Amino acid sequence: TSVDPEAFVSMMEVHDVMGEGFTLDEQKR
């Protein structure tokens, strides 16, 4: 909103996430 108050945003629930920030750290471990 701070950048674009008119942006269209659609959010959905994600039941499982894999990848950096969730199952991998910053070094991809």
PDB file of all heavy atoms in Angstrom:
ATOM      1  N   THR A   1       0.826  -1.217   0.000  1.00  0.00           N
ATOM      2  CA  THR A   1       0.000   0.000   0.000  1.00  0.00           C
ATOM      3  C   THR A   1       0.852   1.255   0.000  1.00  0.00           C
ATOM      4  O   THR A   1       0.482   2.268  -0.615  1.00  0.00           O
ATOM      5  CB  THR A   1      -0.932   0.006   1.230  1.00  0.00           C
ATOM      6  OG1 THR A   1      -1.731  -1.178   1.209  1.00  0.00           O
ATOM      7  CG2 THR A   1      -1.847   1.219   1.213  1.00  0.00           C
ATOM      8  N   SER A   2       1.996   1.220   0.674  1.00  0.00           N
ATOM      9  CA  SER A   2       2.861   2.403   0.727  1.00  0.00           C
ATOM     10  C   SER A   2       3.418   2.763  -0.647  1.00  0.00           C
ATOM     11  O   SER A   2       3.737   3.925  -0.907  1.00  0.00           O
ATOM     12  CB  SER A   2       4.007   2.166   1.714  1.00  0.00           C
ATOM     13  OG  SER A   2       4.922   1.192   1.213  1.00  0.00           O
ATOM     14  N   VAL A   3       3.549   1.768  -1.522  1.00  0.00           N
ATOM     15  CA  VAL A   3       4.068   2.021  -2.873  1.00  0.00           C
ATOM     16  C   VAL A   3       2.941   2.255  -3.863  1.00  0.00           C
ATOM     17  O   VAL A   3       2.982   3.190  -4.671  1.00  0.00           O
ATOM     18  CB  VAL A   3       4.944   0.841  -3.348  1.00  0.00           C
ATOM     19  CG1 VAL A   3       5.425   1.076  -4.790  1.00  0.00           C
ATOM     20  CG2 VAL A   3       6.133   0.654  -2.425  1.00  0.00           C
ATOM     21  N   ASP A   4       1.915   1.398  -3.796  1.00  0.00           N
ATOM     22  CA  ASP A   4       0.815   1.478  -4.756  1.00  0.00           C
ATOM     23  C   ASP A   4      -0.513   1.163  -4.065  1.00  0.00           C
ATOM     24  O   ASP A   4      -0.895  -0.010  -3.964  1.00  0.00           O
ATOM     25  CB  ASP A   4       1.056   0.498  -5.913  1.00  0.00           C
ATOM     26  CG  ASP A   4      -0.022   0.598  -6.991  1.00  0.00           C
ATOM     27  OD1 ASP A   4      -0.867   1.507  -6.891  1.00  0.00           O
ATOM     28  OD2 ASP A   4       0.000  -0.227  -7.926  1.00  0.00           O
ATOM     29  N   PRO A   5      -1.224   2.197  -3.583  1.00  0.00           N
ATOM     30  CA  PRO A   5      -2.507   1.973  -2.905  1.00  0.00           C
ATOM     31  C   PRO A   5      -3.553   1.314  -3.797  1.00  0.00           C
ATOM     32  O   PRO A   5      -4.529   0.744  -3.297  1.00  0.00           O
ATOM     33  CB  PRO A   5      -2.944   3.387  -2.507  1.00  0.00           C
ATOM     34  CG  PRO A   5      -1.693   4.208  -2.534  1.00  0.00           C
ATOM     35  CD  PRO A   5      -0.854   3.611  -3.620  1.00  0.00           C
ATOM     36  N   GLU A   6      -3.362   1.377  -5.124  1.00  0.00           N
ATOM     37  CA  GLU A   6      -4.338   0.824  -6.053  1.00  0.00           C
ATOM     38  C   GLU A   6      -3.955  -0.576  -6.545  1.00  0.00           C
ATOM     39  O   GLU A   6      -4.607  -1.130  -7.430  1.00  0.00           O
ATOM     40  CB  GLU A   6      -4.501   1.758  -7.255  1.00  0.00           C
ATOM     41  CG  GLU A   6      -5.017   3.144  -6.868  1.00  0.00           C
ATOM     42  CD  GLU A   6      -5.173   4.056  -8.068  1.00  0.00           C
ATOM     43  OE1 GLU A   6      -4.831   3.616  -9.201  1.00  0.00           O
ATOM     44  OE2 GLU A   6      -5.615   5.204  -7.892  1.00  0.00           O
ATOM     45  N   ALA A   7      -2.917  -1.163  -5.968  1.00  0.00           N
ATOM     46  CA  ALA A   7      -2.479  -2.499  -6.387  1.00  0.00           C
ATOM     47  C   ALA A   7      -3.562  -3.530  -6.102  1.00  0.00           C
ATOM     48  O   ALA A   7      -4.300  -3.433  -5.113  1.00  0.00           O
ATOM     49  CB  ALA A   7      -1.196  -2.876  -5.666  1.00  0.00           C
ATOM     50  N   PHE A   8      -3.673  -4.519  -6.992  1.00  0.00           N
ATOM     51  CA  PHE A   8      -4.597  -5.629  -6.781  1.00  0.00           C
ATOM     52  C   PHE A   8      -3.811  -6.777  -6.164  1.00  0.00           C
ATOM     53  O   PHE A   8      -2.818  -7.230  -6.730  1.00  0.00           O
ATOM     54  CB  PHE A   8      -5.216  -6.068  -8.110  1.00  0.00           C
ATOM     55  CG  PHE A   8      -6.153  -7.242  -7.981  1.00  0.00           C
ATOM     56  CD1 PHE A   8      -7.467  -7.066  -7.600  1.00  0.00           C
ATOM     57  CD2 PHE A   8      -5.700  -8.544  -8.218  1.00  0.00           C
ATOM     58  CE1 PHE A   8      -8.326  -8.144  -7.470  1.00  0.00           C
ATOM     59  CE2 PHE A   8      -6.539  -9.626  -8.087  1.00  0.00           C
ATOM     60  CZ  PHE A   8      -7.864  -9.422  -7.720  1.00  0.00           C
ATOM     61  N   VAL A   9      -4.255  -7.216  -5.005  1.00  0.00           N
ATOM     62  CA  VAL A   9      -3.532  -8.251  -4.263  1.00  0.00           C
ATOM     63  C   VAL A   9      -4.474  -9.403  -3.939  1.00  0.00           C
ATOM     64  O   VAL A   9      -5.570  -9.193  -3.419  1.00  0.00           O
ATOM     65  CB  VAL A   9      -2.931  -7.698  -2.953  1.00  0.00           C
ATOM     66  CG1 VAL A   9      -2.133  -8.787  -2.232  1.00  0.00           C
ATOM     67  CG2 VAL A   9      -2.057  -6.482  -3.221  1.00  0.00           C
ATOM     68  N   SER A  10      -4.051 -10.604  -4.273  1.00  0.00           N
ATOM     69  CA  SER A  10      -4.820 -11.806  -3.948  1.00  0.00           C
ATOM     70  C   SER A  10      -3.960 -12.708  -3.083  1.00  0.00           C
ATOM     71  O   SER A  10      -2.847 -13.064  -3.470  1.00  0.00           O
ATOM     72  CB  SER A  10      -5.225 -12.535  -5.231  1.00  0.00           C
ATOM     73  OG  SER A  10      -5.839 -13.779  -4.937  1.00  0.00           O
ATOM     74  N   MET A  11      -4.481 -13.062  -1.882  1.00  0.00           N
ATOM     75  CA  MET A  11      -3.722 -13.920  -0.975  1.00  0.00           C
ATOM     76  C   MET A  11      -4.422 -15.252  -0.794  1.00  0.00           C
ATOM     77  O   MET A  11      -5.646 -15.318  -0.758  1.00  0.00           O
ATOM     78  CB  MET A  11      -3.543 -13.241   0.387  1.00  0.00           C
ATOM     79  CG  MET A  11      -2.575 -12.075   0.358  1.00  0.00           C
ATOM     80  SD  MET A  11      -2.063 -11.585   2.010  1.00  0.00           S
ATOM     81  CE  MET A  11      -0.794 -10.382   1.608  1.00  0.00           C
ATOM     82  N   MET A  12      -3.626 -16.289  -0.661  1.00  0.00           N
ATOM     83  CA  MET A  12      -4.173 -17.631  -0.472  1.00  0.00           C
ATOM     84  C   MET A  12      -3.355 -18.365   0.584  1.00  0.00           C
ATOM     85  O   MET A  12      -2.179 -18.061   0.794  1.00  0.00           O
ATOM     86  CB  MET A  12      -4.149 -18.407  -1.791  1.00  0.00           C
ATOM     87  CG  MET A  12      -2.754 -18.716  -2.305  1.00  0.00           C
ATOM     88  SD  MET A  12      -2.701 -18.931  -4.071  1.00  0.00           S
ATOM     89  CE  MET A  12      -2.898 -17.228  -4.600  1.00  0.00           C
ATOM     90  N   GLU A  13      -3.974 -19.313   1.237  1.00  0.00           N
ATOM     91  CA  GLU A  13      -3.283 -20.090   2.248  1.00  0.00           C
ATOM     92  C   GLU A  13      -2.370 -21.107   1.575  1.00  0.00           C
ATOM     93  O   GLU A  13      -2.750 -21.776   0.621  1.00  0.00           O
ATOM     94  CB  GLU A  13      -4.278 -20.801   3.161  1.00  0.00           C
ATOM     95  CG  GLU A  13      -3.636 -21.431   4.375  1.00  0.00           C
ATOM     96  CD  GLU A  13      -4.635 -21.779   5.458  1.00  0.00           C
ATOM     97  OE1 GLU A  13      -5.840 -21.534   5.244  1.00  0.00           O
ATOM     98  OE2 GLU A  13      -4.208 -22.306   6.491  1.00  0.00           O
ATOM     99  N   VAL A  14      -1.146 -21.202   2.087  1.00  0.00           N
ATOM    100  CA  VAL A  14      -0.158 -22.145   1.581  1.00  0.00           C
ATOM    101  C   VAL A  14       0.096 -23.178   2.674  1.00  0.00           C
ATOM    102  O   VAL A  14       0.523 -22.831   3.773  1.00  0.00           O
ATOM    103  CB  VAL A  14       1.157 -21.432   1.205  1.00  0.00           C
ATOM    104  CG1 VAL A  14       2.189 -22.436   0.723  1.00  0.00           C
ATOM    105  CG2 VAL A  14       0.895 -20.374   0.142  1.00  0.00           C
ATOM    106  N   HIS A  15      -0.180 -24.431   2.384  1.00  0.00           N
ATOM    107  CA  HIS A  15      -0.091 -25.464   3.411  1.00  0.00           C
ATOM    108  C   HIS A  15       1.296 -26.074   3.540  1.00  0.00           C
ATOM    109  O   HIS A  15       1.621 -26.661   4.561  1.00  0.00           O
ATOM    110  CB  HIS A  15      -1.108 -26.582   3.107  1.00  0.00           C
ATOM    111  CG  HIS A  15      -2.523 -26.121   3.177  1.00  0.00           C
ATOM    112  ND1 HIS A  15      -3.177 -25.909   4.365  1.00  0.00           N
ATOM    113  CD2 HIS A  15      -3.408 -25.798   2.195  1.00  0.00           C
ATOM    114  CE1 HIS A  15      -4.418 -25.498   4.124  1.00  0.00           C
ATOM    115  NE2 HIS A  15      -4.575 -25.423   2.814  1.00  0.00           N
ATOM    116  N   ASP A  16       2.123 -25.925   2.533  1.00  0.00           N
ATOM    117  CA  ASP A  16       3.465 -26.491   2.611  1.00  0.00           C
ATOM    118  C   ASP A  16       4.397 -25.628   1.779  1.00  0.00           C
ATOM    119  O   ASP A  16       4.059 -25.260   0.648  1.00  0.00           O
ATOM    120  CB  ASP A  16       3.464 -27.934   2.089  1.00  0.00           C
ATOM    121  CG  ASP A  16       4.676 -28.722   2.566  1.00  0.00           C
ATOM    122  OD1 ASP A  16       5.460 -28.161   3.351  1.00  0.00           O
ATOM    123  OD2 ASP A  16       4.820 -29.887   2.166  1.00  0.00           O
ATOM    124  N   VAL A  17       5.553 -25.298   2.333  1.00  0.00           N
ATOM    125  CA  VAL A  17       6.501 -24.424   1.655  1.00  0.00           C
ATOM    126  C   VAL A  17       7.880 -25.048   1.726  1.00  0.00           C
ATOM    127  O   VAL A  17       8.315 -25.490   2.786  1.00  0.00           O
ATOM    128  CB  VAL A  17       6.549 -23.022   2.305  1.00  0.00           C
ATOM    129  CG1 VAL A  17       7.440 -22.098   1.479  1.00  0.00           C
ATOM    130  CG2 VAL A  17       5.163 -22.441   2.437  1.00  0.00           C
ATOM    131  N   MET A  18       8.574 -25.070   0.597  1.00  0.00           N
ATOM    132  CA  MET A  18       9.953 -25.550   0.541  1.00  0.00           C
ATOM    133  C   MET A  18      10.802 -24.472  -0.124  1.00  0.00           C
ATOM    134  O   MET A  18      10.357 -23.815  -1.064  1.00  0.00           O
ATOM    135  CB  MET A  18      10.047 -26.854  -0.255  1.00  0.00           C
ATOM    136  CG  MET A  18       9.268 -28.017   0.335  1.00  0.00           C
ATOM    137  SD  MET A  18       9.288 -29.476  -0.728  1.00  0.00           S
ATOM    138  CE  MET A  18      11.044 -29.860  -0.712  1.00  0.00           C
ATOM    139  N   GLY A  19      12.028 -24.293   0.376  1.00  0.00           N
ATOM    140  CA  GLY A  19      12.910 -23.323  -0.245  1.00  0.00           C
ATOM    141  C   GLY A  19      13.524 -22.383   0.772  1.00  0.00           C
ATOM    142  O   GLY A  19      13.302 -22.498   1.985  1.00  0.00           O
ATOM    143  N   GLU A  20      14.312 -21.428   0.282  1.00  0.00           N
ATOM    144  CA  GLU A  20      15.034 -20.505   1.146  1.00  0.00           C
ATOM    145  C   GLU A  20      14.088 -19.697   2.015  1.00  0.00           C
ATOM    146  O   GLU A  20      13.074 -19.186   1.547  1.00  0.00           O
ATOM    147  CB  GLU A  20      15.902 -19.558   0.306  1.00  0.00           C
ATOM    148  CG  GLU A  20      16.781 -18.642   1.145  1.00  0.00           C
ATOM    149  CD  GLU A  20      17.703 -17.784   0.304  1.00  0.00           C
ATOM    150  OE1 GLU A  20      17.897 -18.098  -0.886  1.00  0.00           O
ATOM    151  OE2 GLU A  20      18.231 -16.792   0.843  1.00  0.00           O
ATOM    152  N   GLY A  21      14.448 -19.578   3.273  1.00  0.00           N
ATOM    153  CA  GLY A  21      13.631 -18.833   4.218  1.00  0.00           C
ATOM    154  C   GLY A  21      12.618 -19.691   4.939  1.00  0.00           C
ATOM    155  O   GLY A  21      12.066 -19.289   5.962  1.00  0.00           O
ATOM    156  N   PHE A  22      12.372 -20.904   4.392  1.00  0.00           N
ATOM    157  CA  PHE A  22      11.401 -21.806   5.008  1.00  0.00           C
ATOM    158  C   PHE A  22      12.038 -23.145   5.352  1.00  0.00           C
ATOM    159  O   PHE A  22      12.009 -23.585   6.492  1.00  0.00           O
ATOM    160  CB  PHE A  22      10.193 -21.997   4.083  1.00  0.00           C
ATOM    161  CG  PHE A  22       9.382 -20.739   3.911  1.00  0.00           C
ATOM    162  CD1 PHE A  22       9.641 -19.883   2.852  1.00  0.00           C
ATOM    163  CD2 PHE A  22       8.383 -20.406   4.803  1.00  0.00           C
ATOM    164  CE1 PHE A  22       8.907 -18.714   2.687  1.00  0.00           C
ATOM    165  CE2 PHE A  22       7.640 -19.254   4.656  1.00  0.00           C
ATOM    166  CZ  PHE A  22       7.906 -18.399   3.597  1.00  0.00           C
ATOM    167  N   THR A  23      12.630 -23.813   4.349  1.00  0.00           N
ATOM    168  CA  THR A  23      13.325 -25.081   4.622  1.00  0.00           C
ATOM    169  C   THR A  23      14.823 -24.987   4.352  1.00  0.00           C
ATOM    170  O   THR A  23      15.562 -25.895   4.700  1.00  0.00           O
ATOM    171  CB  THR A  23      12.742 -26.212   3.749  1.00  0.00           C
ATOM    172  OG1 THR A  23      12.889 -25.861   2.358  1.00  0.00           O
ATOM    173  CG2 THR A  23      11.262 -26.431   4.068  1.00  0.00           C
ATOM    174  N   LEU A  24      15.273 -23.902   3.713  1.00  0.00           N
ATOM    175  CA  LEU A  24      16.692 -23.685   3.446  1.00  0.00           C
ATOM    176  C   LEU A  24      17.122 -22.358   4.041  1.00  0.00           C
ATOM    177  O   LEU A  24      16.350 -21.390   4.038  1.00  0.00           O
ATOM    178  CB  LEU A  24      16.971 -23.674   1.934  1.00  0.00           C
ATOM    179  CG  LEU A  24      16.614 -24.933   1.136  1.00  0.00           C
ATOM    180  CD1 LEU A  24      16.869 -24.698  -0.354  1.00  0.00           C
ATOM    181  CD2 LEU A  24      17.415 -26.128   1.635  1.00  0.00           C
ATOM    182  N   ASP A  25      18.380 -22.298   4.557  1.00  0.00           N
ATOM    183  CA  ASP A  25      18.878 -21.038   5.080  1.00  0.00           C
ATOM    184  C   ASP A  25      19.503 -20.217   3.954  1.00  0.00           C
ATOM    185  O   ASP A  25      19.395 -20.568   2.774  1.00  0.00           O
ATOM    186  CB  ASP A  25      19.875 -21.270   6.223  1.00  0.00           C
ATOM    187  CG  ASP A  25      21.114 -22.054   5.774  1.00  0.00           C
ATOM    188  OD1 ASP A  25      21.381 -22.103   4.557  1.00  0.00           O
ATOM    189  OD2 ASP A  25      21.815 -22.599   6.650  1.00  0.00           O
ATOM    190  N   GLU A  26      20.169 -19.108   4.336  1.00  0.00           N
ATOM    191  CA  GLU A  26      20.734 -18.219   3.321  1.00  0.00           C
ATOM    192  C   GLU A  26      21.850 -18.853   2.506  1.00  0.00           C
ATOM    193  O   GLU A  26      22.152 -18.408   1.398  1.00  0.00           O
ATOM    194  CB  GLU A  26      21.260 -16.937   4.012  1.00  0.00           C
ATOM    195  CG  GLU A  26      20.150 -16.127   4.674  1.00  0.00           C
ATOM    196  CD  GLU A  26      20.699 -14.971   5.473  1.00  0.00           C
ATOM    197  OE1 GLU A  26      21.946 -14.879   5.592  1.00  0.00           O
ATOM    198  OE2 GLU A  26      19.902 -14.166   5.970  1.00  0.00           O
ATOM    199  N   GLN A  27      22.466 -19.907   3.038  1.00  0.00           N
ATOM    200  CA  GLN A  27      23.536 -20.612   2.304  1.00  0.00           C
ATOM    201  C   GLN A  27      22.994 -21.836   1.562  1.00  0.00           C
ATOM    202  O   GLN A  27      23.754 -22.720   1.164  1.00  0.00           O
ATOM    203  CB  GLN A  27      24.634 -21.059   3.279  1.00  0.00           C
ATOM    204  CG  GLN A  27      25.560 -19.930   3.728  1.00  0.00           C
ATOM    205  CD  GLN A  27      24.878 -18.995   4.722  1.00  0.00           C
ATOM    206  OE1 GLN A  27      24.205 -19.465   5.646  1.00  0.00           O
ATOM    207  NE2 GLN A  27      25.048 -17.702   4.548  1.00  0.00           N
ATOM    208  N   LYS A  28      21.664 -21.901   1.436  1.00  0.00           N
ATOM    209  CA  LYS A  28      20.991 -23.002   0.728  1.00  0.00           C
ATOM    210  C   LYS A  28      21.136 -24.334   1.438  1.00  0.00           C
ATOM    211  O   LYS A  28      20.985 -25.391   0.826  1.00  0.00           O
ATOM    212  CB  LYS A  28      21.527 -23.136  -0.715  1.00  0.00           C
ATOM    213  CG  LYS A  28      21.590 -21.857  -1.502  1.00  0.00           C
ATOM    214  CD  LYS A  28      20.241 -21.221  -1.712  1.00  0.00           C
ATOM    215  CE  LYS A  28      20.340 -19.971  -2.572  1.00  0.00           C
ATOM    216  NZ  LYS A  28      19.033 -19.295  -2.742  1.00  0.00           N
ATOM    217  N   ARG A  29      21.405 -24.293   2.747  1.00  0.00           N
ATOM    218  CA  ARG A  29      21.505 -25.519   3.519  1.00  0.00           C
ATOM    219  C   ARG A  29      20.183 -25.790   4.219  1.00  0.00           C
ATOM    220  O   ARG A  29      19.503 -24.852   4.622  1.00  0.00           O
ATOM    221  CB  ARG A  29      22.633 -25.389   4.569  1.00  0.00           C
ATOM    222  CG  ARG A  29      24.013 -25.240   3.970  1.00  0.00           C
ATOM    223  CD  ARG A  29      25.046 -24.984   5.042  1.00  0.00           C
ATOM    224  NE  ARG A  29      24.723 -23.798   5.827  1.00  0.00           N
ATOM    225  CZ  ARG A  29      25.555 -23.219   6.689  1.00  0.00           C
ATOM    226  NH1 ARG A  29      26.764 -23.724   6.874  1.00  0.00           N
ATOM    227  NH2 ARG A  29      25.191 -22.155   7.346  1.00  0.00           N
TER     228      ARG A  29
END
